[in-house]
Protein backbone atom coordinates (compact mmCIF):
# COMPACT_ATOMS: atom_id res chain seq x y z
CA UNK A 1 -18.21 -2.69 37.51
CA UNK A 2 -14.55 -2.84 36.43
CA UNK A 3 -12.72 0.44 35.77
CA UNK A 4 -11.58 1.13 32.23
CA UNK A 5 -8.04 -0.25 31.75
CA UNK A 6 -5.23 2.30 31.44
CA UNK A 7 -4.23 1.00 27.99
CA UNK A 8 -7.67 1.89 26.62
CA UNK A 9 -7.54 5.35 28.18
CA UNK A 10 -4.17 5.94 26.48
CA UNK A 11 -5.71 5.56 23.01
CA UNK A 12 -7.14 8.49 21.09
CA UNK A 13 -10.51 8.43 19.33
CA UNK A 14 -9.04 7.34 15.98
CA UNK A 15 -7.15 4.45 17.62
CA UNK A 16 -10.34 3.26 19.31
CA UNK A 17 -12.26 3.49 16.05
CA UNK A 18 -9.55 1.52 14.25
CA UNK A 19 -9.54 -1.14 17.00
CA UNK A 20 -13.33 -1.42 16.82
CA UNK A 21 -13.26 -1.79 13.02
CA UNK A 22 -10.45 -4.34 13.31
CA UNK A 23 -12.51 -6.43 15.74
CA UNK A 24 -15.66 -6.12 13.62
CA UNK A 25 -13.62 -7.29 10.61
CA UNK A 26 -12.55 -10.36 12.62
CA UNK A 27 -8.95 -9.21 12.44
CA UNK A 28 -8.83 -9.17 8.64
CA UNK A 29 -6.22 -6.62 7.61
CA UNK A 30 -7.32 -7.02 4.00
CA UNK A 31 -10.88 -6.06 4.94
CA UNK A 32 -9.65 -3.09 6.97
CA UNK A 33 -7.50 -1.94 4.03
CA UNK A 34 -10.58 -2.00 1.81
CA UNK A 35 -12.66 -0.18 4.43
CA UNK A 36 -10.10 2.62 4.80
CA UNK A 37 -9.17 2.68 1.11
CA UNK A 38 -5.49 2.08 1.77
CA UNK A 39 -2.97 -0.67 1.10
CA UNK A 40 -2.39 -3.70 3.28
CA UNK A 41 1.09 -2.47 4.35
CA UNK A 42 -0.45 0.83 5.47
CA UNK A 43 -2.95 -1.03 7.65
CA UNK A 44 -0.18 -3.26 9.01
CA UNK A 45 1.84 -0.18 9.95
CA UNK A 46 -1.19 1.37 11.68
CA UNK A 47 -1.79 -1.84 13.61
CA UNK A 48 1.87 -2.04 14.60
CA UNK A 49 1.71 1.52 15.97
CA UNK A 50 -1.44 0.69 17.89
CA UNK A 51 0.30 -2.35 19.38
CA UNK A 52 3.24 -0.14 20.37
CA UNK A 53 0.93 2.37 22.05
CA UNK A 54 -0.76 -0.37 24.05
CA UNK A 55 2.61 -1.90 24.95
CA UNK A 56 3.91 1.48 26.06
CA UNK A 57 0.94 2.07 28.32
CA UNK A 58 1.45 -1.41 29.82
CA UNK A 59 5.19 -1.00 30.29
CA UNK A 60 6.80 -0.82 33.70
CA UNK A 61 8.57 2.42 32.75
CA UNK A 62 7.68 5.09 35.29
CA UNK A 63 9.91 7.93 34.15
CA UNK A 64 7.58 10.52 32.64
CA UNK A 65 10.27 11.99 30.35
CA UNK A 66 11.08 8.62 28.80
CA UNK A 67 7.38 7.84 28.39
CA UNK A 68 6.88 11.20 26.65
CA UNK A 69 9.76 10.59 24.22
CA UNK A 70 8.46 7.10 23.42
CA UNK A 71 4.94 8.44 22.82
CA UNK A 72 6.31 11.14 20.52
CA UNK A 73 8.18 8.50 18.51
CA UNK A 74 5.17 6.19 18.27
CA UNK A 75 2.99 9.10 17.14
CA UNK A 76 5.67 10.07 14.59
CA UNK A 77 6.24 13.49 16.12
CA UNK A 78 9.96 12.61 16.30
CA UNK A 79 11.85 9.87 14.50
CA UNK A 80 12.96 6.65 16.18
CA UNK A 81 16.70 7.46 16.09
CA UNK A 82 16.11 10.84 17.73
CA UNK A 83 14.01 9.20 20.44
CA UNK A 84 16.77 6.67 21.14
CA UNK A 85 19.35 9.45 21.33
CA UNK A 86 17.24 11.58 23.68
CA UNK A 87 16.56 8.66 26.01
CA UNK A 88 20.20 7.56 25.97
CA UNK A 89 21.49 11.05 26.80
CA UNK A 90 18.84 11.52 29.46
CA UNK A 91 19.82 8.27 31.16
CA UNK A 92 23.50 9.27 31.06
CA UNK A 93 22.66 12.59 32.72
CA UNK A 94 20.60 10.91 35.40
CA UNK A 95 23.48 8.56 36.30
CA UNK A 96 25.85 11.47 36.85
């Protein structure tokens, strides 16, 4: 039996539920929007965030601080510009 891929383990329960519903809806964002009672752009944004989370877990980045900052940005705990600034300053400090 194959182990569960890391990208699946990185998703929370709500992400997994959304992915399941997306698959069951044959990838129809319109159907998902109706199911969740939200607009199409809201569903598109949710899907984009899910794609980012999966991409982040698949990335070759091994620095735990940078991974943390990226996760915080994807989960909207900090804004994108702040995440970029934190990573940039951190990399500068590491080079010195």
